[in-house]
């Protein structure tokens, strides 16, 4: 499993310890649910990309 607290520190994220204690269990549950699904994806599968020209024009 990923050490999310160490990852946050390594990335320089200024997240209070109490907040990390609150969100880490959720991140661990998500990782436990999605890790097996990702393992079943074939290496040849391309990631999905989406270009939304209307949304990009609004952000300018």
PDB file of N, CA and C in Angstrom:
ATOM      1  N   UNK A   1       0.833  -1.183   0.000  1.00  0.00           N
ATOM      2  CA  UNK A   1       0.000   0.000   0.000  1.00  0.00           C
ATOM      3  C   UNK A   1       0.879   1.248   0.000  1.00  0.00           C
ATOM      4  N   UNK A   2       0.339   2.284  -0.560  1.00  0.00           N
ATOM      5  CA  UNK A   2       1.031   3.565  -0.639  1.00  0.00           C
ATOM      6  C   UNK A   2       1.025   4.247   0.726  1.00  0.00           C
ATOM      7  N   UNK A   3       2.147   4.816   1.103  1.00  0.00           N
ATOM      8  CA  UNK A   3       2.223   5.620   2.325  1.00  0.00           C
ATOM      9  C   UNK A   3       1.838   7.050   1.934  1.00  0.00           C
ATOM     10  N   UNK A   4       0.552   7.368   2.061  1.00  0.00           N
ATOM     11  CA  UNK A   4       0.051   8.653   1.602  1.00  0.00           C
ATOM     12  C   UNK A   4       0.596   9.823   2.411  1.00  0.00           C
ATOM     13  N   UNK A   5       0.882   9.606   3.688  1.00  0.00           N
ATOM     14  CA  UNK A   5       1.473  10.683   4.493  1.00  0.00           C
ATOM     15  C   UNK A   5       2.880  11.010   3.994  1.00  0.00           C
ATOM     16  N   UNK A   6       3.667   9.983   3.720  1.00  0.00           N
ATOM     17  CA  UNK A   6       5.023  10.201   3.205  1.00  0.00           C
ATOM     18  C   UNK A   6       4.960  10.840   1.817  1.00  0.00           C
ATOM     19  N   UNK A   7       4.015  10.430   1.021  1.00  0.00           N
ATOM     20  CA  UNK A   7       3.852  10.992  -0.314  1.00  0.00           C
ATOM     21  C   UNK A   7       3.513  12.488  -0.237  1.00  0.00           C
ATOM     22  N   UNK A   8       2.628  12.856   0.670  1.00  0.00           N
ATOM     23  CA  UNK A   8       2.263  14.266   0.847  1.00  0.00           C
ATOM     24  C   UNK A   8       3.476  15.079   1.289  1.00  0.00           C
ATOM     25  N   UNK A   9       4.257  14.542   2.213  1.00  0.00           N
ATOM     26  CA  UNK A   9       5.466  15.254   2.678  1.00  0.00           C
ATOM     27  C   UNK A   9       6.471  15.390   1.548  1.00  0.00           C
ATOM     28  N   UNK A  10       6.663  14.319   0.787  1.00  0.00           N
ATOM     29  CA  UNK A  10       7.644  14.332  -0.304  1.00  0.00           C
ATOM     30  C   UNK A  10       7.268  15.332  -1.386  1.00  0.00           C
ATOM     31  N   UNK A  11       5.983  15.544  -1.591  1.00  0.00           N
ATOM     32  CA  UNK A  11       5.526  16.499  -2.603  1.00  0.00           C
ATOM     33  C   UNK A  11       5.423  17.917  -2.059  1.00  0.00           C
ATOM     34  N   UNK A  12       5.756  18.086  -0.788  1.00  0.00           N
ATOM     35  CA  UNK A  12       5.754  19.415  -0.205  1.00  0.00           C
ATOM     36  C   UNK A  12       4.371  19.966   0.089  1.00  0.00           C
ATOM     37  N   UNK A  13       3.389  19.089   0.235  1.00  0.00           N
ATOM     38  CA  UNK A  13       2.031  19.539   0.520  1.00  0.00           C
ATOM     39  C   UNK A  13       1.912  19.905   1.997  1.00  0.00           C
ATOM     40  N   UNK A  14       1.386  21.057   2.263  1.00  0.00           N
ATOM     41  CA  UNK A  14       1.247  21.544   3.638  1.00  0.00           C
ATOM     42  C   UNK A  14      -0.134  21.164   4.168  1.00  0.00           C
ATOM     43  N   UNK A  15      -0.291  19.888   4.502  1.00  0.00           N
ATOM     44  CA  UNK A  15      -1.565  19.370   5.001  1.00  0.00           C
ATOM     45  C   UNK A  15      -1.386  19.055   6.483  1.00  0.00           C
ATOM     46  N   UNK A  16      -2.210  19.658   7.330  1.00  0.00           N
ATOM     47  CA  UNK A  16      -2.093  19.382   8.770  1.00  0.00           C
ATOM     48  C   UNK A  16      -2.256  17.886   9.066  1.00  0.00           C
ATOM     49  N   UNK A  17      -1.558  17.429  10.084  1.00  0.00           N
ATOM     50  CA  UNK A  17      -1.573  16.007  10.455  1.00  0.00           C
ATOM     51  C   UNK A  17      -2.992  15.494  10.707  1.00  0.00           C
ATOM     52  N   UNK A  18      -3.835  16.313  11.345  1.00  0.00           N
ATOM     53  CA  UNK A  18      -5.211  15.896  11.630  1.00  0.00           C
ATOM     54  C   UNK A  18      -5.985  15.666  10.333  1.00  0.00           C
ATOM     55  N   UNK A  19      -5.744  16.502   9.335  1.00  0.00           N
ATOM     56  CA  UNK A  19      -6.417  16.317   8.045  1.00  0.00           C
ATOM     57  C   UNK A  19      -5.915  15.055   7.350  1.00  0.00           C
ATOM     58  N   UNK A  20      -4.610  14.814   7.419  1.00  0.00           N
ATOM     59  CA  UNK A  20      -4.063  13.590   6.830  1.00  0.00           C
ATOM     60  C   UNK A  20      -4.667  12.353   7.487  1.00  0.00           C
ATOM     61  N   UNK A  21      -4.784  12.399   8.818  1.00  0.00           N
ATOM     62  CA  UNK A  21      -5.381  11.271   9.538  1.00  0.00           C
ATOM     63  C   UNK A  21      -6.822  11.036   9.102  1.00  0.00           C
ATOM     64  N   UNK A  22      -7.502  12.097   8.689  1.00  0.00           N
ATOM     65  CA  UNK A  22      -8.896  11.984   8.273  1.00  0.00           C
ATOM     66  C   UNK A  22      -9.029  11.444   6.848  1.00  0.00           C
ATOM     67  N   UNK A  23      -8.110  11.835   5.941  1.00  0.00           N
ATOM     68  CA  UNK A  23      -8.271  11.456   4.533  1.00  0.00           C
ATOM     69  C   UNK A  23      -7.524  10.183   4.121  1.00  0.00           C
ATOM     70  N   UNK A  24      -6.495   9.808   4.862  1.00  0.00           N
ATOM     71  CA  UNK A  24      -5.701   8.632   4.492  1.00  0.00           C
ATOM     72  C   UNK A  24      -6.544   7.352   4.425  1.00  0.00           C
ATOM     73  N   UNK A  25      -7.450   7.087   5.361  1.00  0.00           N
ATOM     74  CA  UNK A  25      -8.253   5.863   5.235  1.00  0.00           C
ATOM     75  C   UNK A  25      -9.083   5.818   3.944  1.00  0.00           C
ATOM     76  N   UNK A  26      -9.585   6.958   3.512  1.00  0.00           N
ATOM     77  CA  UNK A  26     -10.346   7.000   2.263  1.00  0.00           C
ATOM     78  C   UNK A  26      -9.447   6.709   1.073  1.00  0.00           C
ATOM     79  N   UNK A  27      -8.260   7.305   1.061  1.00  0.00           N
ATOM     80  CA  UNK A  27      -7.315   7.056  -0.026  1.00  0.00           C
ATOM     81  C   UNK A  27      -6.893   5.593  -0.058  1.00  0.00           C
ATOM     82  N   UNK A  28      -6.677   5.002   1.108  1.00  0.00           N
ATOM     83  CA  UNK A  28      -6.308   3.583   1.172  1.00  0.00           C
ATOM     84  C   UNK A  28      -7.433   2.689   0.666  1.00  0.00           C
ATOM     85  N   UNK A  29      -8.684   3.038   0.985  1.00  0.00           N
ATOM     86  CA  UNK A  29      -9.824   2.251   0.501  1.00  0.00           C
ATOM     87  C   UNK A  29      -9.946   2.355  -1.018  1.00  0.00           C
ATOM     88  N   UNK A  30      -9.746   3.547  -1.549  1.00  0.00           N
ATOM     89  CA  UNK A  30      -9.786   3.717  -3.003  1.00  0.00           C
ATOM     90  C   UNK A  30      -8.683   2.919  -3.682  1.00  0.00           C
ATOM     91  N   UNK A  31      -7.489   2.965  -3.109  1.00  0.00           N
ATOM     92  CA  UNK A  31      -6.383   2.207  -3.690  1.00  0.00           C
ATOM     93  C   UNK A  31      -6.681   0.706  -3.646  1.00  0.00           C
ATOM     94  N   UNK A  32      -7.223   0.232  -2.531  1.00  0.00           N
ATOM     95  CA  UNK A  32      -7.542  -1.194  -2.413  1.00  0.00           C
ATOM     96  C   UNK A  32      -8.601  -1.618  -3.430  1.00  0.00           C
ATOM     97  N   UNK A  33      -9.529  -0.719  -3.732  1.00  0.00           N
ATOM     98  CA  UNK A  33     -10.586  -1.051  -4.690  1.00  0.00           C
ATOM     99  C   UNK A  33     -10.090  -1.001  -6.132  1.00  0.00           C
ATOM    100  N   UNK A  34      -9.247  -0.028  -6.455  1.00  0.00           N
ATOM    101  CA  UNK A  34      -8.855   0.168  -7.847  1.00  0.00           C
ATOM    102  C   UNK A  34      -7.577  -0.558  -8.252  1.00  0.00           C
ATOM    103  N   UNK A  35      -6.713  -0.886  -7.319  1.00  0.00           N
ATOM    104  CA  UNK A  35      -5.464  -1.570  -7.659  1.00  0.00           C
ATOM    105  C   UNK A  35      -5.716  -2.881  -8.404  1.00  0.00           C
ATOM    106  N   UNK A  36      -6.627  -3.745  -7.934  1.00  0.00           N
ATOM    107  CA  UNK A  36      -6.883  -4.988  -8.674  1.00  0.00           C
ATOM    108  C   UNK A  36      -7.471  -4.725 -10.069  1.00  0.00           C
ATOM    109  N   UNK A  37      -8.291  -3.704 -10.191  1.00  0.00           N
ATOM    110  CA  UNK A  37      -8.875  -3.381 -11.491  1.00  0.00           C
ATOM    111  C   UNK A  37      -7.794  -2.910 -12.464  1.00  0.00           C
ATOM    112  N   UNK A  38      -6.875  -2.094 -11.985  1.00  0.00           N
ATOM    113  CA  UNK A  38      -5.794  -1.603 -12.839  1.00  0.00           C
ATOM    114  C   UNK A  38      -4.871  -2.730 -13.260  1.00  0.00           C
ATOM    115  N   UNK A  39      -4.699  -3.719 -12.401  1.00  0.00           N
ATOM    116  CA  UNK A  39      -3.822  -4.849 -12.725  1.00  0.00           C
ATOM    117  C   UNK A  39      -4.372  -5.662 -13.894  1.00  0.00           C
ATOM    118  N   UNK A  40      -5.682  -5.611 -14.089  1.00  0.00           N
ATOM    119  CA  UNK A  40      -6.301  -6.371 -15.170  1.00  0.00           C
ATOM    120  C   UNK A  40      -6.283  -5.634 -16.514  1.00  0.00           C
ATOM    121  N   UNK A  41      -5.846  -4.395 -16.539  1.00  0.00           N
ATOM    122  CA  UNK A  41      -5.803  -3.647 -17.793  1.00  0.00           C
ATOM    123  C   UNK A  41      -4.604  -4.101 -18.618  1.00  0.00           C
ATOM    124  N   UNK A  42      -4.822  -4.383 -19.892  1.00  0.00           N
ATOM    125  CA  UNK A  42      -3.696  -4.804 -20.726  1.00  0.00           C
ATOM    126  C   UNK A  42      -2.771  -3.616 -21.025  1.00  0.00           C
ATOM    127  N   UNK A  43      -1.467  -3.860 -21.155  1.00  0.00           N
ATOM    128  CA  UNK A  43      -0.519  -2.774 -21.431  1.00  0.00           C
ATOM    129  C   UNK A  43      -0.806  -2.048 -22.743  1.00  0.00           C
ATOM    130  N   UNK A  44      -1.484  -2.708 -23.673  1.00  0.00           N
ATOM    131  CA  UNK A  44      -1.753  -2.100 -24.971  1.00  0.00           C
ATOM    132  C   UNK A  44      -2.934  -1.123 -24.937  1.00  0.00           C
ATOM    133  N   UNK A  45      -3.646  -1.058 -23.818  1.00  0.00           N
ATOM    134  CA  UNK A  45      -4.811  -0.189 -23.711  1.00  0.00           C
ATOM    135  C   UNK A  45      -4.367   1.274 -23.620  1.00  0.00           C
ATOM    136  N   UNK A  46      -4.870   2.080 -24.531  1.00  0.00           N
ATOM    137  CA  UNK A  46      -4.538   3.507 -24.549  1.00  0.00           C
ATOM    138  C   UNK A  46      -5.395   4.250 -23.527  1.00  0.00           C
ATOM    139  N   UNK A  47      -4.833   5.258 -22.859  1.00  0.00           N
ATOM    140  CA  UNK A  47      -5.660   6.059 -21.946  1.00  0.00           C
ATOM    141  C   UNK A  47      -6.664   6.897 -22.744  1.00  0.00           C
ATOM    142  N   UNK A  48      -7.824   7.113 -22.168  1.00  0.00           N
ATOM    143  CA  UNK A  48      -8.846   7.919 -22.829  1.00  0.00           C
ATOM    144  C   UNK A  48      -8.477   9.396 -22.720  1.00  0.00           C
ATOM    145  N   UNK A  49      -8.659  10.100 -23.815  1.00  0.00           N
ATOM    146  CA  UNK A  49      -8.447  11.546 -23.791  1.00  0.00           C
ATOM    147  C   UNK A  49      -9.709  12.216 -24.310  1.00  0.00           C
ATOM    148  N   UNK A  50      -9.945  13.388 -23.829  1.00  0.00           N
ATOM    149  CA  UNK A  50     -11.128  14.131 -24.241  1.00  0.00           C
ATOM    150  C   UNK A  50     -10.730  15.585 -24.436  1.00  0.00           C
ATOM    151  N   UNK A  51     -11.062  16.119 -25.587  1.00  0.00           N
ATOM    152  CA  UNK A  51     -10.829  17.537 -25.851  1.00  0.00           C
ATOM    153  C   UNK A  51     -12.196  18.188 -25.970  1.00  0.00           C
ATOM    154  N   UNK A  52     -12.441  19.162 -25.126  1.00  0.00           N
ATOM    155  CA  UNK A  52     -13.730  19.852 -25.119  1.00  0.00           C
ATOM    156  C   UNK A  52     -13.484  21.315 -25.509  1.00  0.00           C
ATOM    157  N   UNK A  53     -13.531  21.629 -26.797  1.00  0.00           N
ATOM    158  CA  UNK A  53     -13.219  22.986 -27.253  1.00  0.00           C
ATOM    159  C   UNK A  53     -14.086  24.062 -26.609  1.00  0.00           C
ATOM    160  N   UNK A  54     -15.359  23.782 -26.381  1.00  0.00           N
ATOM    161  CA  UNK A  54     -16.233  24.787 -25.788  1.00  0.00           C
ATOM    162  C   UNK A  54     -15.793  25.143 -24.372  1.00  0.00           C
ATOM    163  N   UNK A  55     -15.420  24.151 -23.577  1.00  0.00           N
ATOM    164  CA  UNK A  55     -14.961  24.402 -22.224  1.00  0.00           C
ATOM    165  C   UNK A  55     -13.631  25.125 -22.210  1.00  0.00           C
ATOM    166  N   UNK A  56     -12.741  24.779 -23.128  1.00  0.00           N
ATOM    167  CA  UNK A  56     -11.438  25.442 -23.181  1.00  0.00           C
ATOM    168  C   UNK A  56     -11.587  26.909 -23.549  1.00  0.00           C
ATOM    169  N   UNK A  57     -12.515  27.240 -24.429  1.00  0.00           N
ATOM    170  CA  UNK A  57     -12.733  28.623 -24.815  1.00  0.00           C
ATOM    171  C   UNK A  57     -13.273  29.439 -23.656  1.00  0.00           C
ATOM    172  N   UNK A  58     -14.078  28.835 -22.802  1.00  0.00           N
ATOM    173  CA  UNK A  58     -14.636  29.556 -21.653  1.00  0.00           C
ATOM    174  C   UNK A  58     -13.582  29.886 -20.603  1.00  0.00           C
ATOM    175  N   UNK A  59     -12.534  29.082 -20.511  1.00  0.00           N
ATOM    176  CA  UNK A  59     -11.525  29.291 -19.470  1.00  0.00           C
ATOM    177  C   UNK A  59     -10.514  30.377 -19.843  1.00  0.00           C
ATOM    178  N   UNK A  60     -10.540  30.835 -21.071  1.00  0.00           N
ATOM    179  CA  UNK A  60      -9.575  31.858 -21.508  1.00  0.00           C
ATOM    180  C   UNK A  60     -10.013  33.232 -21.123  1.00  0.00           C
TER     181      UNK A  60
END
